[in-house]
PDB file of N, CA and C in Angstrom:
ATOM      1  N   MET A   1     -84.869  15.341   7.349  1.00  0.00           N
ATOM      2  CA  MET A   1     -83.779  14.423   7.584  1.00  0.00           C
ATOM      3  C   MET A   1     -82.471  15.207   7.485  1.00  0.00           C
ATOM      4  N   THR A   2     -81.606  15.011   8.447  1.00  0.00           N
ATOM      5  CA  THR A   2     -80.321  15.711   8.443  1.00  0.00           C
ATOM      6  C   THR A   2     -79.361  15.040   7.462  1.00  0.00           C
ATOM      7  N   GLN A   3     -78.262  15.736   7.192  1.00  0.00           N
ATOM      8  CA  GLN A   3     -77.276  15.183   6.270  1.00  0.00           C
ATOM      9  C   GLN A   3     -76.725  13.863   6.801  1.00  0.00           C
ATOM     10  N   SER A   4     -76.419  13.808   8.081  1.00  0.00           N
ATOM     11  CA  SER A   4     -75.849  12.572   8.637  1.00  0.00           C
ATOM     12  C   SER A   4     -76.859  11.422   8.570  1.00  0.00           C
ATOM     13  N   GLU A   5     -78.138  11.711   8.771  1.00  0.00           N
ATOM     14  CA  GLU A   5     -79.166  10.673   8.654  1.00  0.00           C
ATOM     15  C   GLU A   5     -79.287  10.187   7.211  1.00  0.00           C
ATOM     16  N   MET A   6     -79.203  11.128   6.279  1.00  0.00           N
ATOM     17  CA  MET A   6     -79.293  10.762   4.867  1.00  0.00           C
ATOM     18  C   MET A   6     -78.083   9.922   4.450  1.00  0.00           C
ATOM     19  N   ILE A   7     -76.912  10.299   4.922  1.00  0.00           N
ATOM     20  CA  ILE A   7     -75.698   9.540   4.603  1.00  0.00           C
ATOM     21  C   ILE A   7     -75.773   8.150   5.231  1.00  0.00           C
ATOM     22  N   GLN A   8     -76.275   8.070   6.454  1.00  0.00           N
ATOM     23  CA  GLN A   8     -76.416   6.770   7.112  1.00  0.00           C
ATOM     24  C   GLN A   8     -77.386   5.884   6.325  1.00  0.00           C
ATOM     25  N   PHE A   9     -78.498   6.459   5.867  1.00  0.00           N
ATOM     26  CA  PHE A   9     -79.447   5.712   5.046  1.00  0.00           C
ATOM     27  C   PHE A   9     -78.780   5.259   3.748  1.00  0.00           C
ATOM     28  N   ALA A  10     -77.983   6.145   3.158  1.00  0.00           N
ATOM     29  CA  ALA A  10     -77.273   5.814   1.916  1.00  0.00           C
ATOM     30  C   ALA A  10     -76.312   4.652   2.141  1.00  0.00           C
ATOM     31  N   GLU A  11     -75.619   4.642   3.265  1.00  0.00           N
ATOM     32  CA  GLU A  11     -74.680   3.561   3.557  1.00  0.00           C
ATOM     33  C   GLU A  11     -75.413   2.234   3.738  1.00  0.00           C
ATOM     34  N   THR A  12     -76.577   2.280   4.377  1.00  0.00           N
ATOM     35  CA  THR A  12     -77.391   1.075   4.530  1.00  0.00           C
ATOM     36  C   THR A  12     -77.852   0.574   3.168  1.00  0.00           C
ATOM     37  N   LEU A  13     -78.303   1.500   2.338  1.00  0.00           N
ATOM     38  CA  LEU A  13     -78.747   1.167   0.991  1.00  0.00           C
ATOM     39  C   LEU A  13     -77.590   0.609   0.163  1.00  0.00           C
ATOM     40  N   GLU A  14     -76.434   1.215   0.311  1.00  0.00           N
ATOM     41  CA  GLU A  14     -75.230   0.768  -0.396  1.00  0.00           C
ATOM     42  C   GLU A  14     -74.890  -0.680  -0.014  1.00  0.00           C
ATOM     43  N   ALA A  15     -75.009  -1.008   1.259  1.00  0.00           N
ATOM     44  CA  ALA A  15     -74.729  -2.368   1.725  1.00  0.00           C
ATOM     45  C   ALA A  15     -75.752  -3.355   1.168  1.00  0.00           C
ATOM     46  N   ARG A  16     -77.009  -2.942   1.123  1.00  0.00           N
ATOM     47  CA  ARG A  16     -78.052  -3.809   0.557  1.00  0.00           C
ATOM     48  C   ARG A  16     -77.789  -4.066  -0.922  1.00  0.00           C
ATOM     49  N   ILE A  17     -77.373  -3.034  -1.636  1.00  0.00           N
ATOM     50  CA  ILE A  17     -77.074  -3.178  -3.063  1.00  0.00           C
ATOM     51  C   ILE A  17     -75.906  -4.140  -3.251  1.00  0.00           C
ATOM     52  N   ALA A  18     -74.886  -3.994  -2.428  1.00  0.00           N
ATOM     53  CA  ALA A  18     -73.692  -4.844  -2.539  1.00  0.00           C
ATOM     54  C   ALA A  18     -74.011  -6.317  -2.298  1.00  0.00           C
ATOM     55  N   SER A  19     -74.991  -6.589  -1.452  1.00  0.00           N
ATOM     56  CA  SER A  19     -75.313  -7.980  -1.122  1.00  0.00           C
ATOM     57  C   SER A  19     -76.461  -8.543  -1.957  1.00  0.00           C
ATOM     58  N   SER A  20     -76.943  -7.768  -2.924  1.00  0.00           N
ATOM     59  CA  SER A  20     -78.075  -8.202  -3.747  1.00  0.00           C
ATOM     60  C   SER A  20     -77.623  -8.802  -5.066  1.00  0.00           C
ATOM     61  N   ASN A  21     -78.528  -9.585  -5.647  1.00  0.00           N
ATOM     62  CA  ASN A  21     -78.281 -10.090  -6.997  1.00  0.00           C
ATOM     63  C   ASN A  21     -78.608  -8.975  -7.994  1.00  0.00           C
ATOM     64  N   ALA A  22     -78.458  -9.253  -9.282  1.00  0.00           N
ATOM     65  CA  ALA A  22     -78.646  -8.217 -10.306  1.00  0.00           C
ATOM     66  C   ALA A  22     -80.040  -7.602 -10.256  1.00  0.00           C
ATOM     67  N   ALA A  23     -81.056  -8.435 -10.102  1.00  0.00           N
ATOM     68  CA  ALA A  23     -82.426  -7.914 -10.054  1.00  0.00           C
ATOM     69  C   ALA A  23     -82.633  -7.049  -8.814  1.00  0.00           C
ATOM     70  N   GLY A  24     -82.079  -7.480  -7.702  1.00  0.00           N
ATOM     71  CA  GLY A  24     -82.190  -6.706  -6.471  1.00  0.00           C
ATOM     72  C   GLY A  24     -81.482  -5.374  -6.570  1.00  0.00           C
ATOM     73  N   ARG A  25     -80.311  -5.390  -7.201  1.00  0.00           N
ATOM     74  CA  ARG A  25     -79.550  -4.145  -7.394  1.00  0.00           C
ATOM     75  C   ARG A  25     -80.379  -3.157  -8.210  1.00  0.00           C
ATOM     76  N   GLN A  26     -80.996  -3.664  -9.268  1.00  0.00           N
ATOM     77  CA  GLN A  26     -81.782  -2.785 -10.129  1.00  0.00           C
ATOM     78  C   GLN A  26     -83.019  -2.255  -9.420  1.00  0.00           C
ATOM     79  N   SER A  27     -83.606  -3.048  -8.548  1.00  0.00           N
ATOM     80  CA  SER A  27     -84.798  -2.587  -7.833  1.00  0.00           C
ATOM     81  C   SER A  27     -84.465  -1.506  -6.805  1.00  0.00           C
ATOM     82  N   LEU A  28     -83.214  -1.472  -6.339  1.00  0.00           N
ATOM     83  CA  LEU A  28     -82.803  -0.474  -5.346  1.00  0.00           C
ATOM     84  C   LEU A  28     -82.260   0.809  -5.977  1.00  0.00           C
ATOM     85  N   GLN A  29     -81.944   0.772  -7.262  1.00  0.00           N
ATOM     86  CA  GLN A  29     -81.367   1.946  -7.931  1.00  0.00           C
ATOM     87  C   GLN A  29     -82.251   3.182  -7.840  1.00  0.00           C
ATOM     88  N   PRO A  30     -83.577   3.084  -8.049  1.00  0.00           N
ATOM     89  CA  PRO A  30     -84.397   4.302  -7.938  1.00  0.00           C
ATOM     90  C   PRO A  30     -84.330   4.951  -6.551  1.00  0.00           C
ATOM     91  N   LYS A  31     -84.245   4.136  -5.506  1.00  0.00           N
ATOM     92  CA  LYS A  31     -84.131   4.683  -4.148  1.00  0.00           C
ATOM     93  C   LYS A  31     -82.809   5.426  -3.982  1.00  0.00           C
ATOM     94  N   LEU A  32     -81.737   4.827  -4.494  1.00  0.00           N
ATOM     95  CA  LEU A  32     -80.426   5.466  -4.408  1.00  0.00           C
ATOM     96  C   LEU A  32     -80.428   6.779  -5.174  1.00  0.00           C
ATOM     97  N   HIS A  33     -80.976   6.757  -6.367  1.00  0.00           N
ATOM     98  CA  HIS A  33     -80.998   7.971  -7.187  1.00  0.00           C
ATOM     99  C   HIS A  33     -81.815   9.075  -6.504  1.00  0.00           C
ATOM    100  N   LYS A  34     -82.953   8.711  -5.945  1.00  0.00           N
ATOM    101  CA  LYS A  34     -83.801   9.685  -5.243  1.00  0.00           C
ATOM    102  C   LYS A  34     -83.045  10.299  -4.064  1.00  0.00           C
ATOM    103  N   LEU A  35     -82.319   9.480  -3.340  1.00  0.00           N
ATOM    104  CA  LEU A  35     -81.545   9.971  -2.200  1.00  0.00           C
ATOM    105  C   LEU A  35     -80.451  10.931  -2.653  1.00  0.00           C
ATOM    106  N   ILE A  36     -79.782  10.610  -3.753  1.00  0.00           N
ATOM    107  CA  ILE A  36     -78.743  11.487  -4.298  1.00  0.00           C
ATOM    108  C   ILE A  36     -79.345  12.837  -4.682  1.00  0.00           C
ATOM    109  N   VAL A  37     -80.505  12.802  -5.319  1.00  0.00           N
ATOM    110  CA  VAL A  37     -81.185  14.045  -5.708  1.00  0.00           C
ATOM    111  C   VAL A  37     -81.549  14.852  -4.466  1.00  0.00           C
ATOM    112  N   GLN A  38     -82.077  14.191  -3.444  1.00  0.00           N
ATOM    113  CA  GLN A  38     -82.459  14.884  -2.208  1.00  0.00           C
ATOM    114  C   GLN A  38     -81.254  15.518  -1.527  1.00  0.00           C
ATOM    115  N   LEU A  39     -80.148  14.808  -1.490  1.00  0.00           N
ATOM    116  CA  LEU A  39     -78.937  15.379  -0.900  1.00  0.00           C
ATOM    117  C   LEU A  39     -78.549  16.660  -1.632  1.00  0.00           C
ATOM    118  N   GLY A  40     -78.539  16.600  -2.949  1.00  0.00           N
ATOM    119  CA  GLY A  40     -78.184  17.773  -3.746  1.00  0.00           C
ATOM    120  C   GLY A  40     -79.156  18.920  -3.565  1.00  0.00           C
ATOM    121  N   GLU A  41     -80.453  18.607  -3.542  1.00  0.00           N
ATOM    122  CA  GLU A  41     -81.467  19.650  -3.382  1.00  0.00           C
ATOM    123  C   GLU A  41     -81.368  20.340  -2.029  1.00  0.00           C
ATOM    124  N   ASN A  42     -80.912  19.608  -1.026  1.00  0.00           N
ATOM    125  CA  ASN A  42     -80.762  20.185   0.310  1.00  0.00           C
ATOM    126  C   ASN A  42     -79.424  20.885   0.498  1.00  0.00           C
ATOM    127  N   GLY A  43     -78.637  20.940  -0.566  1.00  0.00           N
ATOM    128  CA  GLY A  43     -77.360  21.642  -0.500  1.00  0.00           C
ATOM    129  C   GLY A  43     -76.237  20.847   0.129  1.00  0.00           C
ATOM    130  N   PHE A  44     -76.443  19.548   0.295  1.00  0.00           N
ATOM    131  CA  PHE A  44     -75.416  18.701   0.887  1.00  0.00           C
ATOM    132  C   PHE A  44     -74.504  18.154  -0.202  1.00  0.00           C
ATOM    133  N   ASP A  45     -73.261  17.891   0.164  1.00  0.00           N
ATOM    134  CA  ASP A  45     -72.329  17.253  -0.763  1.00  0.00           C
ATOM    135  C   ASP A  45     -72.728  15.791  -0.936  1.00  0.00           C
ATOM    136  N   VAL A  46     -72.741  15.347  -2.173  1.00  0.00           N
ATOM    137  CA  VAL A  46     -73.052  13.950  -2.469  1.00  0.00           C
ATOM    138  C   VAL A  46     -71.730  13.198  -2.609  1.00  0.00           C
ATOM    139  N   PRO A  47     -71.511  12.177  -1.774  1.00  0.00           N
ATOM    140  CA  PRO A  47     -70.267  11.414  -1.885  1.00  0.00           C
ATOM    141  C   PRO A  47     -70.092  10.832  -3.291  1.00  0.00           C
ATOM    142  N   ARG A  48     -68.879  10.912  -3.793  1.00  0.00           N
ATOM    143  CA  ARG A  48     -68.600  10.419  -5.154  1.00  0.00           C
ATOM    144  C   ARG A  48     -68.919   8.948  -5.309  1.00  0.00           C
ATOM    145  N   ARG A  49     -68.696   8.180  -4.255  1.00  0.00           N
ATOM    146  CA  ARG A  49     -68.943   6.744  -4.359  1.00  0.00           C
ATOM    147  C   ARG A  49     -70.426   6.456  -4.614  1.00  0.00           C
ATOM    148  N   LEU A  50     -71.306   7.307  -4.073  1.00  0.00           N
ATOM    149  CA  LEU A  50     -72.734   7.121  -4.322  1.00  0.00           C
ATOM    150  C   LEU A  50     -73.079   7.463  -5.764  1.00  0.00           C
ATOM    151  N   LYS A  51     -72.476   8.523  -6.279  1.00  0.00           N
ATOM    152  CA  LYS A  51     -72.699   8.883  -7.685  1.00  0.00           C
ATOM    153  C   LYS A  51     -72.188   7.778  -8.601  1.00  0.00           C
ATOM    154  N   ARG A  52     -71.007   7.237  -8.275  1.00  0.00           N
ATOM    155  CA  ARG A  52     -70.432   6.153  -9.083  1.00  0.00           C
ATOM    156  C   ARG A  52     -71.328   4.921  -9.055  1.00  0.00           C
ATOM    157  N   LEU A  53     -71.814   4.587  -7.866  1.00  0.00           N
ATOM    158  CA  LEU A  53     -72.680   3.419  -7.729  1.00  0.00           C
ATOM    159  C   LEU A  53     -73.960   3.611  -8.529  1.00  0.00           C
ATOM    160  N   ASP A  54     -74.541   4.795  -8.457  1.00  0.00           N
ATOM    161  CA  ASP A  54     -75.753   5.085  -9.224  1.00  0.00           C
ATOM    162  C   ASP A  54     -75.472   4.940 -10.719  1.00  0.00           C
ATOM    163  N   ASN A  55     -74.355   5.485 -11.171  1.00  0.00           N
ATOM    164  CA  ASN A  55     -73.988   5.370 -12.587  1.00  0.00           C
ATOM    165  C   ASN A  55     -73.771   3.914 -12.993  1.00  0.00           C
ATOM    166  N   GLU A  56     -73.127   3.140 -12.131  1.00  0.00           N
ATOM    167  CA  GLU A  56     -72.909   1.716 -12.418  1.00  0.00           C
ATOM    168  C   GLU A  56     -74.237   0.989 -12.586  1.00  0.00           C
ATOM    169  N   LEU A  57     -75.181   1.288 -11.702  1.00  0.00           N
ATOM    170  CA  LEU A  57     -76.475   0.617 -11.764  1.00  0.00           C
ATOM    171  C   LEU A  57     -77.244   1.005 -13.022  1.00  0.00           C
ATOM    172  N   VAL A  58     -77.152   2.260 -13.413  1.00  0.00           N
ATOM    173  CA  VAL A  58     -77.804   2.705 -14.651  1.00  0.00           C
ATOM    174  C   VAL A  58     -77.168   1.996 -15.844  1.00  0.00           C
ATOM    175  N   GLU A  59     -75.848   1.918 -15.861  1.00  0.00           N
ATOM    176  CA  GLU A  59     -75.151   1.234 -16.956  1.00  0.00           C
ATOM    177  C   GLU A  59     -75.516  -0.249 -17.004  1.00  0.00           C
ATOM    178  N   GLU A  60     -75.640  -0.883 -15.844  1.00  0.00           N
ATOM    179  CA  GLU A  60     -76.038  -2.288 -15.801  1.00  0.00           C
ATOM    180  C   GLU A  60     -77.430  -2.475 -16.398  1.00  0.00           C
ATOM    181  N   ALA A  61     -78.338  -1.561 -16.081  1.00  0.00           N
ATOM    182  CA  ALA A  61     -79.702  -1.651 -16.608  1.00  0.00           C
ATOM    183  C   ALA A  61     -79.710  -1.491 -18.122  1.00  0.00           C
ATOM    184  N   ILE A  62     -78.941  -0.552 -18.623  1.00  0.00           N
ATOM    185  CA  ILE A  62     -78.860  -0.336 -20.072  1.00  0.00           C
ATOM    186  C   ILE A  62     -78.263  -1.562 -20.746  1.00  0.00           C
ATOM    187  N   GLU A  63     -77.198  -2.083 -20.177  1.00  0.00           N
ATOM    188  CA  GLU A  63     -76.542  -3.260 -20.747  1.00  0.00           C
ATOM    189  C   GLU A  63     -77.481  -4.460 -20.752  1.00  0.00           C
ATOM    190  N   ALA A  64     -78.244  -4.626 -19.687  1.00  0.00           N
ATOM    191  CA  ALA A  64     -79.181  -5.750 -19.605  1.00  0.00           C
ATOM    192  C   ALA A  64     -80.245  -5.652 -20.690  1.00  0.00           C
ATOM    193  N   ARG A  65     -80.686  -4.454 -20.999  1.00  0.00           N
ATOM    194  CA  ARG A  65     -81.677  -4.284 -22.070  1.00  0.00           C
ATOM    195  C   ARG A  65     -81.101  -4.710 -23.409  1.00  0.00           C
ATOM    196  N   PHE A  66     -79.863  -4.354 -23.682  1.00  0.00           N
ATOM    197  CA  PHE A  66     -79.251  -4.711 -24.956  1.00  0.00           C
ATOM    198  C   PHE A  66     -78.908  -6.197 -25.019  1.00  0.00           C
ATOM    199  N   ASP A  67     -78.595  -6.811 -23.879  1.00  0.00           N
ATOM    200  CA  ASP A  67     -78.300  -8.241 -23.860  1.00  0.00           C
ATOM    201  C   ASP A  67     -79.521  -9.064 -24.249  1.00  0.00           C
ATOM    202  N   ASN A  68     -80.708  -8.554 -23.957  1.00  0.00           N
ATOM    203  CA  ASN A  68     -81.944  -9.279 -24.244  1.00  0.00           C
ATOM    204  C   ASN A  68     -82.561  -8.895 -25.581  1.00  0.00           C
ATOM    205  N   MET A  69     -81.895  -8.049 -26.334  1.00  0.00           N
ATOM    206  CA  MET A  69     -82.429  -7.585 -27.609  1.00  0.00           C
ATOM    207  C   MET A  69     -82.129  -8.618 -28.699  1.00  0.00           C
ATOM    208  N   PRO A  70     -83.163  -9.001 -29.474  1.00  0.00           N
ATOM    209  CA  PRO A  70     -82.906  -9.964 -30.558  1.00  0.00           C
ATOM    210  C   PRO A  70     -82.032  -9.353 -31.644  1.00  0.00           C
ATOM    211  N   VAL A  71     -81.229 -10.211 -32.242  1.00  0.00           N
ATOM    212  CA  VAL A  71     -80.316  -9.741 -33.288  1.00  0.00           C
ATOM    213  C   VAL A  71     -80.868 -10.072 -34.652  1.00  0.00           C
TER     214      VAL A  71
END
């Protein structure tokens, strides 16, 4: 897959994440993370917005775990 194809896939994934509910966002995070890793491994620049989105999704998952923790 070329860099432009990977970026196009990332943009499609980004749009799906934006239009998803919390559970949907979390289910798409592994795909986004894998794509970011692949871009880096292939020597391509990873757009900052994708890194930020991945970090946001990870933080949401961590926060959700603590929200459900009994006190």
